[in-house]
C-alpha cells in the first residue's frame, strides 16, 4: 500500500468512525451507492436526503 493510500484509509477510518478498514470500506461503499443511485438496488440517488442526515 502506498503512503497516499494508507493516509486515505486513515482519513476514511476517522470520517466513518469505524475501527476496522473493512467496516470503513463497507460504510463508504454503502454511502456511495446510496448517493450515486443508478443501480438496480438504488435506482434514484438520495443526495439531498443523505446530506441532511450527514448534517
PDB file of N, CA and C in Angstrom:
ATOM      1  N   UNK A   1       0.855  -1.179   0.000  1.00  0.00           N
ATOM      2  CA  UNK A   1       0.000   0.000   0.000  1.00  0.00           C
ATOM      3  C   UNK A   1       0.893   1.231   0.000  1.00  0.00           C
ATOM      4  N   UNK A   2       0.579   2.167  -0.868  1.00  0.00           N
ATOM      5  CA  UNK A   2       1.379   3.398  -0.937  1.00  0.00           C
ATOM      6  C   UNK A   2       1.063   4.288   0.258  1.00  0.00           C
ATOM      7  N   UNK A   3       1.942   5.236   0.491  1.00  0.00           N
ATOM      8  CA  UNK A   3       1.717   6.185   1.588  1.00  0.00           C
ATOM      9  C   UNK A   3       0.422   6.957   1.384  1.00  0.00           C
ATOM     10  N   UNK A   4       0.137   7.308   0.134  1.00  0.00           N
ATOM     11  CA  UNK A   4      -1.088   8.055  -0.168  1.00  0.00           C
ATOM     12  C   UNK A   4      -2.325   7.231   0.160  1.00  0.00           C
ATOM     13  N   UNK A   5      -2.309   5.968  -0.225  1.00  0.00           N
ATOM     14  CA  UNK A   5      -3.462   5.104   0.062  1.00  0.00           C
ATOM     15  C   UNK A   5      -3.606   4.863   1.559  1.00  0.00           C
ATOM     16  N   UNK A   6      -2.491   4.698   2.248  1.00  0.00           N
ATOM     17  CA  UNK A   6      -2.542   4.486   3.696  1.00  0.00           C
ATOM     18  C   UNK A   6      -3.127   5.709   4.391  1.00  0.00           C
ATOM     19  N   UNK A   7      -2.717   6.900   3.972  1.00  0.00           N
ATOM     20  CA  UNK A   7      -3.254   8.129   4.557  1.00  0.00           C
ATOM     21  C   UNK A   7      -4.740   8.255   4.262  1.00  0.00           C
ATOM     22  N   UNK A   8      -5.146   7.923   3.037  1.00  0.00           N
ATOM     23  CA  UNK A   8      -6.562   7.971   2.672  1.00  0.00           C
ATOM     24  C   UNK A   8      -7.378   7.028   3.557  1.00  0.00           C
ATOM     25  N   UNK A   9      -6.832   5.852   3.837  1.00  0.00           N
ATOM     26  CA  UNK A   9      -7.528   4.895   4.697  1.00  0.00           C
ATOM     27  C   UNK A   9      -7.657   5.443   6.111  1.00  0.00           C
ATOM     28  N   UNK A  10      -6.617   6.086   6.601  1.00  0.00           N
ATOM     29  CA  UNK A  10      -6.688   6.710   7.926  1.00  0.00           C
ATOM     30  C   UNK A  10      -7.791   7.770   7.965  1.00  0.00           C
ATOM     31  N   UNK A  11      -7.862   8.581   6.920  1.00  0.00           N
ATOM     32  CA  UNK A  11      -8.918   9.599   6.841  1.00  0.00           C
ATOM     33  C   UNK A  11     -10.296   8.946   6.804  1.00  0.00           C
ATOM     34  N   UNK A  12     -10.411   7.845   6.068  1.00  0.00           N
ATOM     35  CA  UNK A  12     -11.689   7.145   5.972  1.00  0.00           C
ATOM     36  C   UNK A  12     -12.106   6.561   7.315  1.00  0.00           C
ATOM     37  N   UNK A  13     -11.162   5.968   8.023  1.00  0.00           N
ATOM     38  CA  UNK A  13     -11.465   5.440   9.356  1.00  0.00           C
ATOM     39  C   UNK A  13     -11.965   6.561  10.268  1.00  0.00           C
ATOM     40  N   UNK A  14     -11.290   7.686  10.214  1.00  0.00           N
ATOM     41  CA  UNK A  14     -11.697   8.835  11.035  1.00  0.00           C
ATOM     42  C   UNK A  14     -13.079   9.344  10.621  1.00  0.00           C
ATOM     43  N   UNK A  15     -13.288   9.485   9.318  1.00  0.00           N
ATOM     44  CA  UNK A  15     -14.547  10.047   8.811  1.00  0.00           C
ATOM     45  C   UNK A  15     -15.740   9.149   9.096  1.00  0.00           C
ATOM     46  N   UNK A  16     -15.542   7.831   9.027  1.00  0.00           N
ATOM     47  CA  UNK A  16     -16.662   6.911   9.242  1.00  0.00           C
ATOM     48  C   UNK A  16     -16.870   6.572  10.708  1.00  0.00           C
ATOM     49  N   UNK A  17     -15.846   6.798  11.515  1.00  0.00           N
ATOM     50  CA  UNK A  17     -15.955   6.442  12.929  1.00  0.00           C
ATOM     51  C   UNK A  17     -15.818   4.949  13.167  1.00  0.00           C
ATOM     52  N   UNK A  18     -15.381   4.220  12.166  1.00  0.00           N
ATOM     53  CA  UNK A  18     -15.212   2.776  12.298  1.00  0.00           C
ATOM     54  C   UNK A  18     -13.808   2.463  12.809  1.00  0.00           C
ATOM     55  N   UNK A  19     -13.659   1.259  13.389  1.00  0.00           N
ATOM     56  CA  UNK A  19     -12.371   0.847  13.946  1.00  0.00           C
ATOM     57  C   UNK A  19     -11.582  -0.073  13.021  1.00  0.00           C
ATOM     58  N   UNK A  20     -12.246  -0.625  12.008  1.00  0.00           N
ATOM     59  CA  UNK A  20     -11.559  -1.543  11.106  1.00  0.00           C
ATOM     60  C   UNK A  20     -11.677  -1.041   9.668  1.00  0.00           C
ATOM     61  N   UNK A  21     -10.679  -1.399   8.864  1.00  0.00           N
ATOM     62  CA  UNK A  21     -10.685  -0.984   7.469  1.00  0.00           C
ATOM     63  C   UNK A  21     -11.889  -1.560   6.734  1.00  0.00           C
ATOM     64  N   UNK A  22     -12.206  -2.825   6.995  1.00  0.00           N
ATOM     65  CA  UNK A  22     -13.316  -3.448   6.271  1.00  0.00           C
ATOM     66  C   UNK A  22     -14.641  -2.764   6.583  1.00  0.00           C
ATOM     67  N   UNK A  23     -14.873  -2.408   7.832  1.00  0.00           N
ATOM     68  CA  UNK A  23     -16.115  -1.711   8.187  1.00  0.00           C
ATOM     69  C   UNK A  23     -16.151  -0.319   7.580  1.00  0.00           C
ATOM     70  N   UNK A  24     -15.008   0.364   7.582  1.00  0.00           N
ATOM     71  CA  UNK A  24     -14.946   1.698   6.988  1.00  0.00           C
ATOM     72  C   UNK A  24     -15.219   1.626   5.490  1.00  0.00           C
ATOM     73  N   UNK A  25     -14.640   0.636   4.817  1.00  0.00           N
ATOM     74  CA  UNK A  25     -14.879   0.469   3.385  1.00  0.00           C
ATOM     75  C   UNK A  25     -16.338   0.112   3.099  1.00  0.00           C
ATOM     76  N   UNK A  26     -16.930  -0.746   3.921  1.00  0.00           N
ATOM     77  CA  UNK A  26     -18.350  -1.085   3.757  1.00  0.00           C
ATOM     78  C   UNK A  26     -19.226   0.154   3.890  1.00  0.00           C
ATOM     79  N   UNK A  27     -18.942   0.944   4.902  1.00  0.00           N
ATOM     80  CA  UNK A  27     -19.739   2.154   5.132  1.00  0.00           C
ATOM     81  C   UNK A  27     -19.576   3.137   3.978  1.00  0.00           C
ATOM     82  N   UNK A  28     -18.354   3.308   3.499  1.00  0.00           N
ATOM     83  CA  UNK A  28     -18.096   4.221   2.386  1.00  0.00           C
ATOM     84  C   UNK A  28     -18.769   3.726   1.109  1.00  0.00           C
ATOM     85  N   UNK A  29     -18.721   2.420   0.858  1.00  0.00           N
ATOM     86  CA  UNK A  29     -19.362   1.853  -0.333  1.00  0.00           C
ATOM     87  C   UNK A  29     -20.877   2.023  -0.269  1.00  0.00           C
ATOM     88  N   UNK A  30     -21.456   1.761   0.874  1.00  0.00           N
ATOM     89  CA  UNK A  30     -22.901   1.930   1.035  1.00  0.00           C
ATOM     90  C   UNK A  30     -23.304   3.385   0.793  1.00  0.00           C
ATOM     91  N   UNK A  31     -22.544   4.300   1.365  1.00  0.00           N
ATOM     92  CA  UNK A  31     -22.832   5.716   1.175  1.00  0.00           C
ATOM     93  C   UNK A  31     -22.750   6.099  -0.297  1.00  0.00           C
ATOM     94  N   UNK A  32     -21.702   5.642  -0.966  1.00  0.00           N
ATOM     95  CA  UNK A  32     -21.527   5.967  -2.377  1.00  0.00           C
ATOM     96  C   UNK A  32     -22.695   5.443  -3.210  1.00  0.00           C
ATOM     97  N   UNK A  33     -23.086   4.198  -2.983  1.00  0.00           N
ATOM     98  CA  UNK A  33     -24.184   3.609  -3.750  1.00  0.00           C
ATOM     99  C   UNK A  33     -25.494   4.357  -3.509  1.00  0.00           C
ATOM    100  N   UNK A  34     -25.761   4.708  -2.278  1.00  0.00           N
ATOM    101  CA  UNK A  34     -26.975   5.461  -1.960  1.00  0.00           C
ATOM    102  C   UNK A  34     -26.931   6.848  -2.589  1.00  0.00           C
ATOM    103  N   UNK A  35     -25.770   7.458  -2.557  1.00  0.00           N
ATOM    104  CA  UNK A  35     -25.605   8.801  -3.094  1.00  0.00           C
ATOM    105  C   UNK A  35     -25.711   8.800  -4.611  1.00  0.00           C
ATOM    106  N   UNK A  36     -25.027   7.878  -5.235  1.00  0.00           N
ATOM    107  CA  UNK A  36     -24.926   7.835  -6.690  1.00  0.00           C
ATOM    108  C   UNK A  36     -26.232   7.389  -7.341  1.00  0.00           C
ATOM    109  N   UNK A  37     -26.859   6.347  -6.802  1.00  0.00           N
ATOM    110  CA  UNK A  37     -28.043   5.804  -7.453  1.00  0.00           C
ATOM    111  C   UNK A  37     -27.691   5.165  -8.782  1.00  0.00           C
ATOM    112  N   UNK A  38     -28.673   5.059  -9.652  1.00  0.00           N
ATOM    113  CA  UNK A  38     -28.500   4.496 -10.985  1.00  0.00           C
ATOM    114  C   UNK A  38     -27.995   3.059 -10.947  1.00  0.00           C
ATOM    115  N   UNK A  39     -28.460   2.307  -9.949  1.00  0.00           N
ATOM    116  CA  UNK A  39     -28.165   0.881  -9.861  1.00  0.00           C
ATOM    117  C   UNK A  39     -29.477   0.143  -9.676  1.00  0.00           C
ATOM    118  N   UNK A  40     -29.440  -1.174  -9.813  1.00  0.00           N
ATOM    119  CA  UNK A  40     -30.646  -1.975  -9.604  1.00  0.00           C
ATOM    120  C   UNK A  40     -31.147  -1.803  -8.177  1.00  0.00           C
ATOM    121  N   UNK A  41     -30.241  -1.847  -7.232  1.00  0.00           N
ATOM    122  CA  UNK A  41     -30.619  -1.744  -5.819  1.00  0.00           C
ATOM    123  C   UNK A  41     -31.100  -0.350  -5.445  1.00  0.00           C
ATOM    124  N   UNK A  42     -30.495   0.663  -6.035  1.00  0.00           N
ATOM    125  CA  UNK A  42     -30.830   2.061  -5.717  1.00  0.00           C
ATOM    126  C   UNK A  42     -30.984   2.817  -7.038  1.00  0.00           C
ATOM    127  N   UNK A  43     -32.180   2.756  -7.630  1.00  0.00           N
ATOM    128  CA  UNK A  43     -32.368   3.398  -8.928  1.00  0.00           C
ATOM    129  C   UNK A  43     -32.189   4.915  -8.891  1.00  0.00           C
ATOM    130  N   UNK A  44     -32.587   5.549  -7.809  1.00  0.00           N
ATOM    131  CA  UNK A  44     -32.511   7.006  -7.704  1.00  0.00           C
ATOM    132  C   UNK A  44     -31.591   7.368  -6.541  1.00  0.00           C
ATOM    133  N   UNK A  45     -30.595   8.183  -6.815  1.00  0.00           N
ATOM    134  CA  UNK A  45     -29.701   8.632  -5.758  1.00  0.00           C
ATOM    135  C   UNK A  45     -30.440   9.472  -4.738  1.00  0.00           C
ATOM    136  N   UNK A  46     -29.874   9.579  -3.571  1.00  0.00           N
ATOM    137  CA  UNK A  46     -30.533  10.295  -2.482  1.00  0.00           C
ATOM    138  C   UNK A  46     -29.611  11.368  -1.912  1.00  0.00           C
ATOM    139  N   UNK A  47     -29.015  12.167  -2.778  1.00  0.00           N
ATOM    140  CA  UNK A  47     -28.046  13.162  -2.344  1.00  0.00           C
ATOM    141  C   UNK A  47     -28.606  14.094  -1.282  1.00  0.00           C
ATOM    142  N   UNK A  48     -29.746  14.675  -1.519  1.00  0.00           N
ATOM    143  CA  UNK A  48     -30.317  15.646  -0.587  1.00  0.00           C
ATOM    144  C   UNK A  48     -30.612  14.987   0.754  1.00  0.00           C
ATOM    145  N   UNK A  49     -31.241  13.820   0.723  1.00  0.00           N
ATOM    146  CA  UNK A  49     -31.578  13.121   1.963  1.00  0.00           C
ATOM    147  C   UNK A  49     -30.313  12.755   2.753  1.00  0.00           C
ATOM    148  N   UNK A  50     -29.292  12.266   2.070  1.00  0.00           N
ATOM    149  CA  UNK A  50     -28.066  11.900   2.756  1.00  0.00           C
ATOM    150  C   UNK A  50     -27.334  13.115   3.328  1.00  0.00           C
ATOM    151  N   UNK A  51     -27.362  14.221   2.632  1.00  0.00           N
ATOM    152  CA  UNK A  51     -26.731  15.431   3.145  1.00  0.00           C
ATOM    153  C   UNK A  51     -27.434  15.920   4.405  1.00  0.00           C
ATOM    154  N   UNK A  52     -28.752  15.790   4.445  1.00  0.00           N
ATOM    155  CA  UNK A  52     -29.482  16.170   5.649  1.00  0.00           C
ATOM    156  C   UNK A  52     -29.083  15.262   6.814  1.00  0.00           C
ATOM    157  N   UNK A  53     -28.939  13.977   6.552  1.00  0.00           N
ATOM    158  CA  UNK A  53     -28.507  13.042   7.603  1.00  0.00           C
ATOM    159  C   UNK A  53     -27.078  13.349   8.050  1.00  0.00           C
ATOM    160  N   UNK A  54     -26.228  13.704   7.105  1.00  0.00           N
ATOM    161  CA  UNK A  54     -24.835  13.981   7.417  1.00  0.00           C
ATOM    162  C   UNK A  54     -24.695  15.210   8.314  1.00  0.00           C
ATOM    163  N   UNK A  55     -25.571  16.179   8.117  1.00  0.00           N
ATOM    164  CA  UNK A  55     -25.506  17.387   8.928  1.00  0.00           C
ATOM    165  C   UNK A  55     -25.941  17.077  10.342  1.00  0.00           C
TER     166      UNK A  55
END
